[in-house]
C-alpha cells in the first residue's frame, strides 16, 4: 500500500482528502504545517508522496520544500493550494505537480495516481 503524507492547516480539507485517498487504497498520514511534516519525513517510514499546501502557519509549504531539498528528502511532491500565483516560484518548480484546490478532486487524484504508480 502506498503511503501519502498530507500537509494542510485546514482540518476539513485534511479530513476530506484523507477519506478520499483512503477509499482509493492509500495509507494517509497528516500534518498541520511544514514543521510537523518534516518531523514525519525524518521518521523511519518515508511516504511515497507528499501533498503540500502552501499557506500554513509556523512553516509554509515553500519553506518546507526548501528544507526537504536541503535534507535531501527525495519524495515526490504535489503542491495543492488555492493560490495559482505561486506556480512560477523557484521552489514551486521543485514539486512534481501543482494542483489548484477545487471541489473537484479529479486532477489531484490523477496526479496522485501518476506519481505513485510503479
C-alpha atoms as a PDB file:
ATOM      1  CA  UNK A   1       0.000   0.000   0.000  1.00  0.00           C
ATOM      2  CA  UNK A   2       1.393   3.404  -0.992  1.00  0.00           C
ATOM      3  CA  UNK A   3       1.792   5.959   1.784  1.00  0.00           C
ATOM      4  CA  UNK A   4       0.882   9.632   1.404  1.00  0.00           C
ATOM      5  CA  UNK A   5       1.768  12.485   3.730  1.00  0.00           C
ATOM      6  CA  UNK A   6      -0.920  15.168   3.555  1.00  0.00           C
ATOM      7  CA  UNK A   7       0.170  18.602   4.812  1.00  0.00           C
ATOM      8  CA  UNK A   8      -2.570  21.223   5.208  1.00  0.00           C
ATOM      9  CA  UNK A   9      -3.565  23.545   8.047  1.00  0.00           C
ATOM     10  CA  UNK A  10      -7.293  23.239   7.263  1.00  0.00           C
ATOM     11  CA  UNK A  11      -8.729  20.348   9.272  1.00  0.00           C
ATOM     12  CA  UNK A  12     -11.721  19.986   6.947  1.00  0.00           C
ATOM     13  CA  UNK A  13      -9.508  19.608   3.881  1.00  0.00           C
ATOM     14  CA  UNK A  14      -7.286  17.101   5.711  1.00  0.00           C
ATOM     15  CA  UNK A  15     -10.340  15.076   6.696  1.00  0.00           C
ATOM     16  CA  UNK A  16     -11.877  15.146   3.211  1.00  0.00           C
ATOM     17  CA  UNK A  17      -8.664  14.259   1.381  1.00  0.00           C
ATOM     18  CA  UNK A  18      -7.733  11.583   3.898  1.00  0.00           C
ATOM     19  CA  UNK A  19     -11.112   9.909   3.426  1.00  0.00           C
ATOM     20  CA  UNK A  20     -10.987  10.173  -0.382  1.00  0.00           C
ATOM     21  CA  UNK A  21      -7.417   8.867  -0.640  1.00  0.00           C
ATOM     22  CA  UNK A  22      -8.051   6.016   1.813  1.00  0.00           C
ATOM     23  CA  UNK A  23     -11.058   4.977  -0.282  1.00  0.00           C
ATOM     24  CA  UNK A  24      -8.657   4.850  -3.243  1.00  0.00           C
ATOM     25  CA  UNK A  25      -6.397   2.439  -1.326  1.00  0.00           C
ATOM     26  CA  UNK A  26      -3.711   4.751   0.070  1.00  0.00           C
ATOM     27  CA  UNK A  27      -2.421   4.933   3.634  1.00  0.00           C
ATOM     28  CA  UNK A  28      -2.585   8.589   4.668  1.00  0.00           C
ATOM     29  CA  UNK A  29      -0.858  10.415   7.481  1.00  0.00           C
ATOM     30  CA  UNK A  30      -1.408  14.118   8.047  1.00  0.00           C
ATOM     31  CA  UNK A  31       0.411  17.171   9.344  1.00  0.00           C
ATOM     32  CA  UNK A  32      -0.895  20.656  10.175  1.00  0.00           C
ATOM     33  CA  UNK A  33       2.160  22.527   8.891  1.00  0.00           C
ATOM     34  CA  UNK A  34       5.637  22.142   7.459  1.00  0.00           C
ATOM     35  CA  UNK A  35       7.327  21.662  10.824  1.00  0.00           C
ATOM     36  CA  UNK A  36       5.137  18.660  11.604  1.00  0.00           C
ATOM     37  CA  UNK A  37       5.665  17.351   8.080  1.00  0.00           C
ATOM     38  CA  UNK A  38       9.457  17.479   8.393  1.00  0.00           C
ATOM     39  CA  UNK A  39       9.290  15.570  11.672  1.00  0.00           C
ATOM     40  CA  UNK A  40       7.260  12.854   9.972  1.00  0.00           C
ATOM     41  CA  UNK A  41       9.530  12.833   6.909  1.00  0.00           C
ATOM     42  CA  UNK A  42      12.578  12.256   9.090  1.00  0.00           C
ATOM     43  CA  UNK A  43      10.902   9.208  10.642  1.00  0.00           C
ATOM     44  CA  UNK A  44      11.559   5.601   9.746  1.00  0.00           C
ATOM     45  CA  UNK A  45       8.693   5.129   7.302  1.00  0.00           C
ATOM     46  CA  UNK A  46       9.062   7.536   4.413  1.00  0.00           C
ATOM     47  CA  UNK A  47       5.906   8.328   2.453  1.00  0.00           C
ATOM     48  CA  UNK A  48       5.721   7.587  -1.258  1.00  0.00           C
ATOM     49  CA  UNK A  49       4.247  11.042  -1.901  1.00  0.00           C
ATOM     50  CA  UNK A  50       3.698  14.381  -0.154  1.00  0.00           C
ATOM     51  CA  UNK A  51       0.635  16.548  -0.846  1.00  0.00           C
ATOM     52  CA  UNK A  52       1.576  20.004   0.378  1.00  0.00           C
ATOM     53  CA  UNK A  53      -0.433  23.178   0.936  1.00  0.00           C
ATOM     54  CA  UNK A  54       1.497  26.437   0.619  1.00  0.00           C
ATOM     55  CA  UNK A  55      -0.025  28.919   3.054  1.00  0.00           C
ATOM     56  CA  UNK A  56       0.259  27.492   6.564  1.00  0.00           C
ATOM     57  CA  UNK A  57       1.322  28.786   9.986  1.00  0.00           C
ATOM     58  CA  UNK A  58       4.719  28.033  11.577  1.00  0.00           C
ATOM     59  CA  UNK A  59       6.313  26.776   8.344  1.00  0.00           C
ATOM     60  CA  UNK A  60       4.675  27.285   4.970  1.00  0.00           C
ATOM     61  CA  UNK A  61       4.878  24.955   2.013  1.00  0.00           C
ATOM     62  CA  UNK A  62       7.691  26.754   0.201  1.00  0.00           C
ATOM     63  CA  UNK A  63       9.851  26.705   3.338  1.00  0.00           C
ATOM     64  CA  UNK A  64       9.038  23.018   3.705  1.00  0.00           C
ATOM     65  CA  UNK A  65      10.143  22.294   0.147  1.00  0.00           C
ATOM     66  CA  UNK A  66      13.366  24.209   0.761  1.00  0.00           C
ATOM     67  CA  UNK A  67      14.051  22.156   3.893  1.00  0.00           C
ATOM     68  CA  UNK A  68      13.290  18.926   2.052  1.00  0.00           C
ATOM     69  CA  UNK A  69      15.822  19.866  -0.628  1.00  0.00           C
ATOM     70  CA  UNK A  70      18.477  20.760   1.973  1.00  0.00           C
ATOM     71  CA  UNK A  71      17.889  17.485   3.828  1.00  0.00           C
ATOM     72  CA  UNK A  72      17.919  15.555   0.528  1.00  0.00           C
ATOM     73  CA  UNK A  73      14.482  14.087   1.257  1.00  0.00           C
ATOM     74  CA  UNK A  74      13.681  12.821  -2.191  1.00  0.00           C
ATOM     75  CA  UNK A  75       9.940  12.294  -2.124  1.00  0.00           C
ATOM     76  CA  UNK A  76       7.566  13.289  -4.933  1.00  0.00           C
ATOM     77  CA  UNK A  77       5.603  16.438  -4.038  1.00  0.00           C
ATOM     78  CA  UNK A  78       2.228  17.687  -5.199  1.00  0.00           C
ATOM     79  CA  UNK A  79       1.595  21.296  -4.270  1.00  0.00           C
ATOM     80  CA  UNK A  80      -2.119  21.572  -3.501  1.00  0.00           C
ATOM     81  CA  UNK A  81      -3.032  25.207  -2.952  1.00  0.00           C
ATOM     82  CA  UNK A  82      -5.792  27.738  -3.505  1.00  0.00           C
ATOM     83  CA  UNK A  83      -3.247  30.163  -4.990  1.00  0.00           C
ATOM     84  CA  UNK A  84      -2.191  29.813  -8.601  1.00  0.00           C
ATOM     85  CA  UNK A  85       0.174  32.793  -8.217  1.00  0.00           C
ATOM     86  CA  UNK A  86       2.938  30.647  -6.681  1.00  0.00           C
ATOM     87  CA  UNK A  87       3.175  28.356  -9.715  1.00  0.00           C
ATOM     88  CA  UNK A  88       6.251  30.149 -11.099  1.00  0.00           C
ATOM     89  CA  UNK A  89       8.048  30.494  -7.767  1.00  0.00           C
ATOM     90  CA  UNK A  90      11.509  28.949  -7.832  1.00  0.00           C
ATOM     91  CA  UNK A  91      10.734  26.469  -5.034  1.00  0.00           C
ATOM     92  CA  UNK A  92       7.353  25.540  -6.534  1.00  0.00           C
ATOM     93  CA  UNK A  93       9.206  24.299  -9.582  1.00  0.00           C
ATOM     94  CA  UNK A  94      10.884  21.638  -7.420  1.00  0.00           C
ATOM     95  CA  UNK A  95       7.484  19.985  -6.953  1.00  0.00           C
ATOM     96  CA  UNK A  96       6.397  17.213  -9.283  1.00  0.00           C
ATOM     97  CA  UNK A  97       2.919  18.699  -9.740  1.00  0.00           C
ATOM     98  CA  UNK A  98       0.986  21.869  -8.937  1.00  0.00           C
ATOM     99  CA  UNK A  99      -2.764  21.489  -8.415  1.00  0.00           C
ATOM    100  CA  UNK A 100      -5.049  24.399  -7.570  1.00  0.00           C
ATOM    101  CA  UNK A 101      -7.634  23.469  -4.938  1.00  0.00           C
ATOM    102  CA  UNK A 102     -11.152  22.912  -6.163  1.00  0.00           C
ATOM    103  CA  UNK A 103     -14.165  20.890  -5.045  1.00  0.00           C
ATOM    104  CA  UNK A 104     -13.485  18.534  -7.961  1.00  0.00           C
ATOM    105  CA  UNK A 105     -10.691  16.211  -6.830  1.00  0.00           C
ATOM    106  CA  UNK A 106     -10.226  14.608 -10.263  1.00  0.00           C
ATOM    107  CA  UNK A 107      -6.966  16.381 -11.140  1.00  0.00           C
ATOM    108  CA  UNK A 108      -5.452  15.829  -7.700  1.00  0.00           C
ATOM    109  CA  UNK A 109      -6.329  12.130  -7.720  1.00  0.00           C
ATOM    110  CA  UNK A 110      -4.937  11.763 -11.239  1.00  0.00           C
ATOM    111  CA  UNK A 111      -1.598  13.293 -10.169  1.00  0.00           C
ATOM    112  CA  UNK A 112      -1.504  11.112  -7.037  1.00  0.00           C
ATOM    113  CA  UNK A 113      -2.020   8.006  -9.159  1.00  0.00           C
ATOM    114  CA  UNK A 114       0.622   9.083 -11.715  1.00  0.00           C
ATOM    115  CA  UNK A 115       3.242   9.803  -9.070  1.00  0.00           C
ATOM    116  CA  UNK A 116       2.645   6.651  -7.037  1.00  0.00           C
ATOM    117  CA  UNK A 117       2.288   4.189  -9.913  1.00  0.00           C
ATOM    118  CA  UNK A 118       5.327   1.894 -10.020  1.00  0.00           C
END
